[in-house]
Each structure stands twice: as C-alpha cells, then as structure tokens.
C-alpha cells in the first residue's frame, strides 16, 4: 500500500466514526419527533380532535415531540390556538 492509500483509509475511517457518533447523538431527537407526530395523528384520526395542521404546528410537534403535541392538543381543545 502506498502512503496515499493509507491516508485515504484513515480519512474514511475517521469519517465513518464521526458519522456514527453523530447519528447516535441525534437519534433520540428524531425518535421523539416521530412519536410526537404519531400522537398528533392519533389524536385526530382515532379520538376525533380537530386541530389545524399548519407548518407552525408541525414545527412545534417536531421540535417538542410528545410534550409539544400535548401542548398543541391542549391549546386546540381550549380554543386558544390551532383551531380549524
């Protein structure tokens, strides 16, 4: 193996390790966002809550996860915000 091949192998290995650690760090947030969106969908589909799904609602639920979806549901039920 030449020096360039060894250097390229080291660079690729470091890149894979960085990507794996980044995925490990971000995955809880992704799971929380998906669960929050599922809660919002189930509240509409199964329980019949009427919530105006806007980009703001999706942003709150995606960033807040389950607590964000509960806040959106409560505000919608009280008629404060997100009412269709």
Protein backbone atom coordinates (compact mmCIF):
# COMPACT_ATOMS: atom_id res chain seq x y z
CA UNK A 1 0.00 0.00 0.00
CA UNK A 2 1.21 3.45 -0.78
CA UNK A 3 1.11 6.41 1.55
CA UNK A 4 -1.88 7.96 -0.22
CA UNK A 5 -3.93 4.77 0.13
CA UNK A 6 -3.18 4.56 3.84
CA UNK A 7 -4.05 8.24 4.32
CA UNK A 8 -7.30 7.79 2.39
CA UNK A 9 -8.16 4.73 4.50
CA UNK A 10 -7.59 6.71 7.69
CA UNK A 11 -9.71 9.63 6.42
CA UNK A 12 -12.59 7.31 5.50
CA UNK A 13 -12.37 5.53 8.86
CA UNK A 14 -12.48 8.83 10.75
CA UNK A 15 -15.45 9.94 8.61
CA UNK A 16 -17.37 6.77 9.40
CA UNK A 17 -16.68 7.12 13.13
CA UNK A 18 -17.79 10.77 13.12
CA UNK A 19 -20.97 9.91 11.20
CA UNK A 20 -21.77 7.06 13.60
CA UNK A 21 -21.35 9.26 16.67
CA UNK A 22 -23.46 12.00 15.08
CA UNK A 23 -26.25 9.54 14.33
CA UNK A 24 -26.08 8.20 17.89
CA UNK A 25 -26.37 11.74 19.27
CA UNK A 26 -29.27 12.82 17.05
CA UNK A 27 -31.38 9.63 17.08
CA UNK A 28 -33.22 10.34 20.39
CA UNK A 29 -34.42 13.67 18.99
CA UNK A 30 -35.59 12.04 15.76
CA UNK A 31 -37.46 9.33 17.68
CA UNK A 32 -39.08 11.95 19.94
CA UNK A 33 -40.22 13.97 16.92
CA UNK A 34 -41.68 10.93 15.17
CA UNK A 35 -43.54 9.82 18.31
CA UNK A 36 -44.91 13.35 18.74
CA UNK A 37 -46.19 13.37 15.16
CA UNK A 38 -47.78 9.94 15.70
CA UNK A 39 -49.52 11.24 18.86
CA UNK A 40 -50.87 14.21 16.91
CA UNK A 41 -52.07 11.93 14.10
CA UNK A 42 -53.75 9.51 16.55
CA UNK A 43 -55.46 12.39 18.33
CA UNK A 44 -57.00 13.41 15.03
CA UNK A 45 -57.71 10.01 13.50
CA UNK A 46 -58.75 7.92 16.48
CA UNK A 47 -60.08 10.40 19.03
CA UNK A 48 -61.55 12.89 16.57
CA UNK A 49 -59.84 16.04 17.82
CA UNK A 50 -59.88 18.82 15.27
CA UNK A 51 -56.52 20.52 15.00
CA UNK A 52 -55.49 22.86 12.23
CA UNK A 53 -52.30 21.30 10.91
CA UNK A 54 -50.12 24.20 9.84
CA UNK A 55 -46.37 24.47 9.39
CA UNK A 56 -46.19 26.08 12.85
CA UNK A 57 -47.96 23.10 14.44
CA UNK A 58 -45.66 20.67 12.66
CA UNK A 59 -42.62 22.66 13.79
CA UNK A 60 -43.79 22.70 17.42
CA UNK A 61 -44.50 18.98 17.39
CA UNK A 62 -41.28 18.09 15.57
CA UNK A 63 -39.12 20.11 17.95
CA UNK A 64 -41.10 19.39 21.11
CA UNK A 65 -42.00 15.77 20.48
CA UNK A 66 -44.63 14.35 22.81
CA UNK A 67 -44.73 17.41 25.11
CA UNK A 68 -45.10 19.63 22.05
CA UNK A 69 -48.01 17.58 20.74
CA UNK A 70 -49.69 17.69 24.17
CA UNK A 71 -49.32 21.49 24.24
CA UNK A 72 -50.85 21.74 20.76
CA UNK A 73 -53.72 19.43 21.76
CA UNK A 74 -54.48 21.36 24.96
CA UNK A 75 -54.35 24.73 23.19
CA UNK A 76 -56.64 23.41 20.47
CA UNK A 77 -59.12 21.92 22.94
CA UNK A 78 -59.24 25.18 24.91
CA UNK A 79 -59.78 27.14 21.72
CA UNK A 80 -56.72 29.30 22.28
CA UNK A 81 -54.78 28.34 19.16
CA UNK A 82 -54.64 25.84 16.30
CA UNK A 83 -58.42 25.74 15.95
CA UNK A 84 -59.59 24.92 12.42
